[in-house]
Amino acid sequence: LYQSSSDVYVSYLPLFGIVGGIMLAALAVVMLFVNEPKLVAEQKKYEEAHPEENLATDSVIQRIIAPYKGNVLFLDFWNMGCGPCRAGMMEQRNFLKDVVGLPVKFLYITEDKYREASEEWLGKTYIEGEHIYISSADWEYLQAKLRFIGIPFSCIIDREGVLHRDMNHTMLLDFLE
């Protein structure tokens, strides 16, 4: 049987696509590890240059977290129109039961304009935790302050009041030691 060179090229094309994809993913991981110390240093430099971003002096954040002082706080920003947000909250229900009695608080934060629909859904799904409703102005302020543009977005504030970005609920236990 005779195969033209173009037939061979086409038959191997999917293989090159997969290998190319794997190579790009590997490169991205390498670049992340190479650049991580630089990113951490840049973040620290930014925070030192912007002392107004200190959580201890931020009135909006303090108004939200002050009642829970002494606990590790998981802040979960969400709204009713976000399916992944609600799915994540459903997933966290069992974890919440596992940490009962520990100094951990889940703060589910959404805009006040979603209160009625949120409370109805929360009641039906038995989502425990602290449900906090804030104004649209405070929501926009926190988006800028915490530098997030989309939801779900979550972060952890440890017992010393230090913010840890890009965290998930299972990482809470690391901050209890």
C-alpha atoms as a PDB file:
ATOM      1  CA  LEU A   1       0.000   0.000   0.000  1.00  0.00           C
ATOM      2  CA  TYR A   2       1.162   3.443  -0.880  1.00  0.00           C
ATOM      3  CA  GLN A   3       0.839   6.395   1.521  1.00  0.00           C
ATOM      4  CA  SER A   4       1.625   9.900   0.462  1.00  0.00           C
ATOM      5  CA  SER A   5       3.635  12.125   2.764  1.00  0.00           C
ATOM      6  CA  SER A   6       0.553  14.278   3.354  1.00  0.00           C
ATOM      7  CA  ASP A   7      -1.369  11.210   4.617  1.00  0.00           C
ATOM      8  CA  VAL A   8       1.393  10.441   7.097  1.00  0.00           C
ATOM      9  CA  TYR A   9       1.486  14.063   8.264  1.00  0.00           C
ATOM     10  CA  VAL A  10      -2.272  14.131   8.825  1.00  0.00           C
ATOM     11  CA  SER A  11      -2.232  10.807  10.702  1.00  0.00           C
ATOM     12  CA  TYR A  12       0.425  12.103  13.130  1.00  0.00           C
ATOM     13  CA  LEU A  13      -1.163  15.545  13.586  1.00  0.00           C
ATOM     14  CA  PRO A  14      -3.224  14.576  16.683  1.00  0.00           C
ATOM     15  CA  LEU A  15      -0.078  13.185  18.323  1.00  0.00           C
ATOM     16  CA  PHE A  16       1.782  16.467  17.782  1.00  0.00           C
ATOM     17  CA  GLY A  17      -1.204  18.332  19.176  1.00  0.00           C
ATOM     18  CA  ILE A  18      -1.213  16.275  22.372  1.00  0.00           C
ATOM     19  CA  VAL A  19       2.549  16.399  22.779  1.00  0.00           C
ATOM     20  CA  GLY A  20       2.543  20.120  22.047  1.00  0.00           C
ATOM     21  CA  GLY A  21      -0.174  20.655  24.644  1.00  0.00           C
ATOM     22  CA  ILE A  22       1.762  18.660  27.229  1.00  0.00           C
ATOM     23  CA  MET A  23       4.930  20.590  26.439  1.00  0.00           C
ATOM     24  CA  LEU A  24       3.108  23.926  26.838  1.00  0.00           C
ATOM     25  CA  ALA A  25       1.622  22.826  30.159  1.00  0.00           C
ATOM     26  CA  ALA A  26       5.048  21.694  31.386  1.00  0.00           C
ATOM     27  CA  LEU A  27       6.548  25.009  30.321  1.00  0.00           C
ATOM     28  CA  ALA A  28       3.830  26.898  32.189  1.00  0.00           C
ATOM     29  CA  VAL A  29       4.547  24.914  35.378  1.00  0.00           C
ATOM     30  CA  VAL A  30       8.291  25.533  35.062  1.00  0.00           C
ATOM     31  CA  MET A  31       7.702  29.254  34.505  1.00  0.00           C
ATOM     32  CA  LEU A  32       5.459  29.384  37.574  1.00  0.00           C
ATOM     33  CA  PHE A  33       8.091  27.795  39.803  1.00  0.00           C
ATOM     34  CA  VAL A  34      10.855  29.953  38.352  1.00  0.00           C
ATOM     35  CA  ASN A  35       8.812  33.138  38.790  1.00  0.00           C
ATOM     36  CA  GLU A  36       7.111  32.330  42.116  1.00  0.00           C
ATOM     37  CA  PRO A  37       9.846  33.845  44.336  1.00  0.00           C
ATOM     38  CA  LYS A  38       9.822  36.941  42.151  1.00  0.00           C
ATOM     39  CA  LEU A  39       6.017  37.188  42.393  1.00  0.00           C
ATOM     40  CA  VAL A  40       6.093  36.764  46.183  1.00  0.00           C
ATOM     41  CA  ALA A  41       8.789  39.453  46.462  1.00  0.00           C
ATOM     42  CA  GLU A  42       6.798  41.798  44.214  1.00  0.00           C
ATOM     43  CA  GLN A  43       3.653  41.231  46.292  1.00  0.00           C
ATOM     44  CA  LYS A  44       5.548  41.999  49.518  1.00  0.00           C
ATOM     45  CA  LYS A  45       7.087  45.104  47.956  1.00  0.00           C
ATOM     46  CA  TYR A  46       3.634  46.226  46.766  1.00  0.00           C
ATOM     47  CA  GLU A  47       2.103  45.716  50.204  1.00  0.00           C
ATOM     48  CA  GLU A  48       4.937  47.625  51.890  1.00  0.00           C
ATOM     49  CA  ALA A  49       4.462  50.495  49.413  1.00  0.00           C
ATOM     50  CA  HIS A  50       0.705  50.532  50.043  1.00  0.00           C
ATOM     51  CA  PRO A  51       0.256  50.515  53.827  1.00  0.00           C
ATOM     52  CA  GLU A  52      -3.352  51.619  53.316  1.00  0.00           C
ATOM     53  CA  GLU A  53      -3.990  48.029  52.289  1.00  0.00           C
ATOM     54  CA  ASN A  54      -3.265  46.847  55.805  1.00  0.00           C
ATOM     55  CA  LEU A  55      -6.346  44.867  56.859  1.00  0.00           C
ATOM     56  CA  ALA A  56      -6.100  46.131  60.439  1.00  0.00           C
ATOM     57  CA  THR A  57      -6.823  49.679  59.303  1.00  0.00           C
ATOM     58  CA  ASP A  58      -9.378  48.909  56.605  1.00  0.00           C
ATOM     59  CA  SER A  59     -12.833  49.883  57.856  1.00  0.00           C
ATOM     60  CA  VAL A  60     -14.839  47.820  55.343  1.00  0.00           C
ATOM     61  CA  ILE A  61     -12.925  44.622  56.019  1.00  0.00           C
ATOM     62  CA  GLN A  62     -12.876  45.259  59.774  1.00  0.00           C
ATOM     63  CA  ARG A  63     -16.643  45.759  59.805  1.00  0.00           C
ATOM     64  CA  ILE A  64     -16.970  42.271  58.261  1.00  0.00           C
ATOM     65  CA  ILE A  65     -14.327  40.361  60.228  1.00  0.00           C
ATOM     66  CA  ALA A  66     -14.273  42.060  63.660  1.00  0.00           C
ATOM     67  CA  PRO A  67     -17.016  39.867  65.181  1.00  0.00           C
ATOM     68  CA  TYR A  68     -14.934  36.774  64.395  1.00  0.00           C
ATOM     69  CA  LYS A  69     -11.601  37.918  65.840  1.00  0.00           C
ATOM     70  CA  GLY A  70      -9.393  35.054  67.021  1.00  0.00           C
ATOM     71  CA  ASN A  71     -10.661  32.668  64.369  1.00  0.00           C
ATOM     72  CA  VAL A  72      -9.239  31.587  61.048  1.00  0.00           C
ATOM     73  CA  LEU A  73     -11.648  33.079  58.521  1.00  0.00           C
ATOM     74  CA  PHE A  74     -12.599  31.664  55.150  1.00  0.00           C
ATOM     75  CA  LEU A  75     -14.103  34.462  53.047  1.00  0.00           C
ATOM     76  CA  ASP A  76     -16.162  33.195  50.128  1.00  0.00           C
ATOM     77  CA  PHE A  77     -17.464  35.832  47.706  1.00  0.00           C
ATOM     78  CA  TRP A  78     -20.482  34.620  45.734  1.00  0.00           C
ATOM     79  CA  ASN A  79     -23.918  35.409  44.326  1.00  0.00           C
ATOM     80  CA  MET A  80     -27.022  33.541  43.224  1.00  0.00           C
ATOM     81  CA  GLY A  81     -26.197  33.805  39.521  1.00  0.00           C
ATOM     82  CA  CYS A  82     -22.926  31.924  39.975  1.00  0.00           C
ATOM     83  CA  GLY A  83     -23.439  28.173  39.635  1.00  0.00           C
ATOM     84  CA  PRO A  84     -19.833  27.311  40.585  1.00  0.00           C
ATOM     85  CA  CYS A  85     -20.231  29.456  43.722  1.00  0.00           C
ATOM     86  CA  ARG A  86     -23.309  27.558  44.860  1.00  0.00           C
ATOM     87  CA  ALA A  87     -21.762  24.189  43.960  1.00  0.00           C
ATOM     88  CA  GLY A  88     -18.709  25.068  46.067  1.00  0.00           C
ATOM     89  CA  MET A  89     -20.907  25.995  49.012  1.00  0.00           C
ATOM     90  CA  MET A  90     -22.714  22.658  48.713  1.00  0.00           C
ATOM     91  CA  GLU A  91     -19.352  20.874  48.673  1.00  0.00           C
ATOM     92  CA  GLN A  92     -18.222  22.748  51.800  1.00  0.00           C
ATOM     93  CA  ARG A  93     -21.221  21.639  53.898  1.00  0.00           C
ATOM     94  CA  ASN A  94     -19.578  18.411  55.096  1.00  0.00           C
ATOM     95  CA  PHE A  95     -16.288  20.169  55.755  1.00  0.00           C
ATOM     96  CA  LEU A  96     -18.120  22.675  57.953  1.00  0.00           C
ATOM     97  CA  LYS A  97     -19.395  19.794  60.073  1.00  0.00           C
ATOM     98  CA  ASP A  98     -15.847  18.442  60.395  1.00  0.00           C
ATOM     99  CA  VAL A  99     -14.514  21.714  61.840  1.00  0.00           C
ATOM    100  CA  VAL A 100     -17.272  22.326  64.398  1.00  0.00           C
ATOM    101  CA  GLY A 101     -15.634  23.407  67.651  1.00  0.00           C
ATOM    102  CA  LEU A 102     -12.449  24.606  65.955  1.00  0.00           C
ATOM    103  CA  PRO A 103     -11.616  28.334  65.747  1.00  0.00           C
ATOM    104  CA  VAL A 104     -12.743  28.529  62.113  1.00  0.00           C
ATOM    105  CA  LYS A 105     -15.494  30.641  60.570  1.00  0.00           C
ATOM    106  CA  PHE A 106     -16.898  30.516  57.053  1.00  0.00           C
ATOM    107  CA  LEU A 107     -18.019  33.951  55.879  1.00  0.00           C
ATOM    108  CA  TYR A 108     -20.199  33.784  52.778  1.00  0.00           C
ATOM    109  CA  ILE A 109     -20.272  37.303  51.358  1.00  0.00           C
ATOM    110  CA  THR A 110     -22.653  38.571  48.696  1.00  0.00           C
ATOM    111  CA  GLU A 111     -24.345  41.801  47.720  1.00  0.00           C
ATOM    112  CA  ASP A 112     -27.397  42.893  49.634  1.00  0.00           C
ATOM    113  CA  LYS A 113     -29.401  43.112  46.404  1.00  0.00           C
ATOM    114  CA  TYR A 114     -29.386  39.279  46.315  1.00  0.00           C
ATOM    115  CA  ARG A 115     -30.569  38.859  49.919  1.00  0.00           C
ATOM    116  CA  GLU A 116     -34.100  37.555  49.326  1.00  0.00           C
ATOM    117  CA  ALA A 117     -33.167  34.931  46.716  1.00  0.00           C
ATOM    118  CA  SER A 118     -30.037  34.004  48.687  1.00  0.00           C
ATOM    119  CA  GLU A 119     -31.859  33.450  51.951  1.00  0.00           C
ATOM    120  CA  GLU A 120     -34.444  31.275  50.213  1.00  0.00           C
ATOM    121  CA  TRP A 121     -31.761  29.109  48.579  1.00  0.00           C
ATOM    122  CA  LEU A 122     -29.618  28.963  51.747  1.00  0.00           C
ATOM    123  CA  GLY A 123     -32.635  27.810  53.741  1.00  0.00           C
ATOM    124  CA  LYS A 124     -33.450  25.032  51.272  1.00  0.00           C
ATOM    125  CA  THR A 125     -29.872  23.787  51.047  1.00  0.00           C
ATOM    126  CA  TYR A 126     -28.899  24.089  54.719  1.00  0.00           C
ATOM    127  CA  ILE A 127     -25.731  26.051  54.031  1.00  0.00           C
ATOM    128  CA  GLU A 128     -24.285  26.862  57.426  1.00  0.00           C
ATOM    129  CA  GLY A 129     -21.745  29.556  58.153  1.00  0.00           C
ATOM    130  CA  GLU A 130     -21.976  33.290  58.472  1.00  0.00           C
ATOM    131  CA  HIS A 131     -24.031  34.898  55.708  1.00  0.00           C
ATOM    132  CA  ILE A 132     -22.963  38.482  55.162  1.00  0.00           C
ATOM    133  CA  TYR A 133     -24.730  40.920  52.865  1.00  0.00           C
ATOM    134  CA  ILE A 134     -22.905  44.062  51.807  1.00  0.00           C
ATOM    135  CA  SER A 135     -23.743  47.070  49.660  1.00  0.00           C
ATOM    136  CA  SER A 136     -22.793  47.171  45.984  1.00  0.00           C
ATOM    137  CA  ALA A 137     -20.332  49.962  46.808  1.00  0.00           C
ATOM    138  CA  ASP A 138     -18.627  47.790  49.442  1.00  0.00           C
ATOM    139  CA  TRP A 139     -18.598  44.855  46.997  1.00  0.00           C
ATOM    140  CA  GLU A 140     -16.825  46.969  44.363  1.00  0.00           C
ATOM    141  CA  TYR A 141     -14.427  48.300  46.989  1.00  0.00           C
ATOM    142  CA  LEU A 142     -13.533  44.765  48.117  1.00  0.00           C
ATOM    143  CA  GLN A 143     -13.071  43.635  44.529  1.00  0.00           C
ATOM    144  CA  ALA A 144     -10.478  46.371  44.085  1.00  0.00           C
ATOM    145  CA  LYS A 145      -8.941  45.891  47.535  1.00  0.00           C
ATOM    146  CA  LEU A 146      -8.623  42.114  47.285  1.00  0.00           C
ATOM    147  CA  ARG A 147      -7.928  42.269  43.541  1.00  0.00           C
ATOM    148  CA  PHE A 148     -10.545  39.873  42.229  1.00  0.00           C
ATOM    149  CA  ILE A 149     -12.680  40.330  39.152  1.00  0.00           C
ATOM    150  CA  GLY A 150     -14.707  37.149  39.090  1.00  0.00           C
ATOM    151  CA  ILE A 151     -16.461  34.800  41.444  1.00  0.00           C
ATOM    152  CA  PRO A 152     -16.237  32.442  43.093  1.00  0.00           C
ATOM    153  CA  PHE A 153     -13.349  34.084  44.894  1.00  0.00           C
ATOM    154  CA  SER A 154     -12.115  32.973  48.271  1.00  0.00           C
ATOM    155  CA  CYS A 155      -9.329  33.864  50.626  1.00  0.00           C
ATOM    156  CA  ILE A 156      -8.256  33.119  54.175  1.00  0.00           C
ATOM    157  CA  ILE A 157      -7.506  35.577  56.935  1.00  0.00           C
ATOM    158  CA  ASP A 158      -5.408  33.877  59.593  1.00  0.00           C
ATOM    159  CA  ARG A 159      -5.637  34.475  63.353  1.00  0.00           C
ATOM    160  CA  GLU A 160      -3.070  37.282  63.121  1.00  0.00           C
ATOM    161  CA  GLY A 161      -5.149  39.079  60.492  1.00  0.00           C
ATOM    162  CA  VAL A 162      -2.914  38.252  57.530  1.00  0.00           C
ATOM    163  CA  LEU A 163      -4.683  37.799  54.209  1.00  0.00           C
ATOM    164  CA  HIS A 164      -3.881  34.728  52.106  1.00  0.00           C
ATOM    165  CA  ARG A 165      -5.237  34.909  48.546  1.00  0.00           C
ATOM    166  CA  ASP A 166      -6.274  32.092  46.228  1.00  0.00           C
ATOM    167  CA  MET A 167      -7.107  29.640  48.992  1.00  0.00           C
ATOM    168  CA  ASN A 168      -9.717  26.929  49.224  1.00  0.00           C
ATOM    169  CA  HIS A 169     -11.581  25.711  52.287  1.00  0.00           C
ATOM    170  CA  THR A 170      -9.427  22.613  52.801  1.00  0.00           C
ATOM    171  CA  MET A 171      -6.407  24.865  53.428  1.00  0.00           C
ATOM    172  CA  LEU A 172      -7.996  26.263  56.608  1.00  0.00           C
ATOM    173  CA  LEU A 173      -6.544  23.481  58.724  1.00  0.00           C
ATOM    174  CA  ASP A 174      -3.012  24.556  57.784  1.00  0.00           C
ATOM    175  CA  PHE A 175      -3.611  27.812  59.655  1.00  0.00           C
ATOM    176  CA  LEU A 176      -4.714  26.171  62.917  1.00  0.00           C
ATOM    177  CA  GLU A 177      -1.306  24.771  63.827  1.00  0.00           C
END
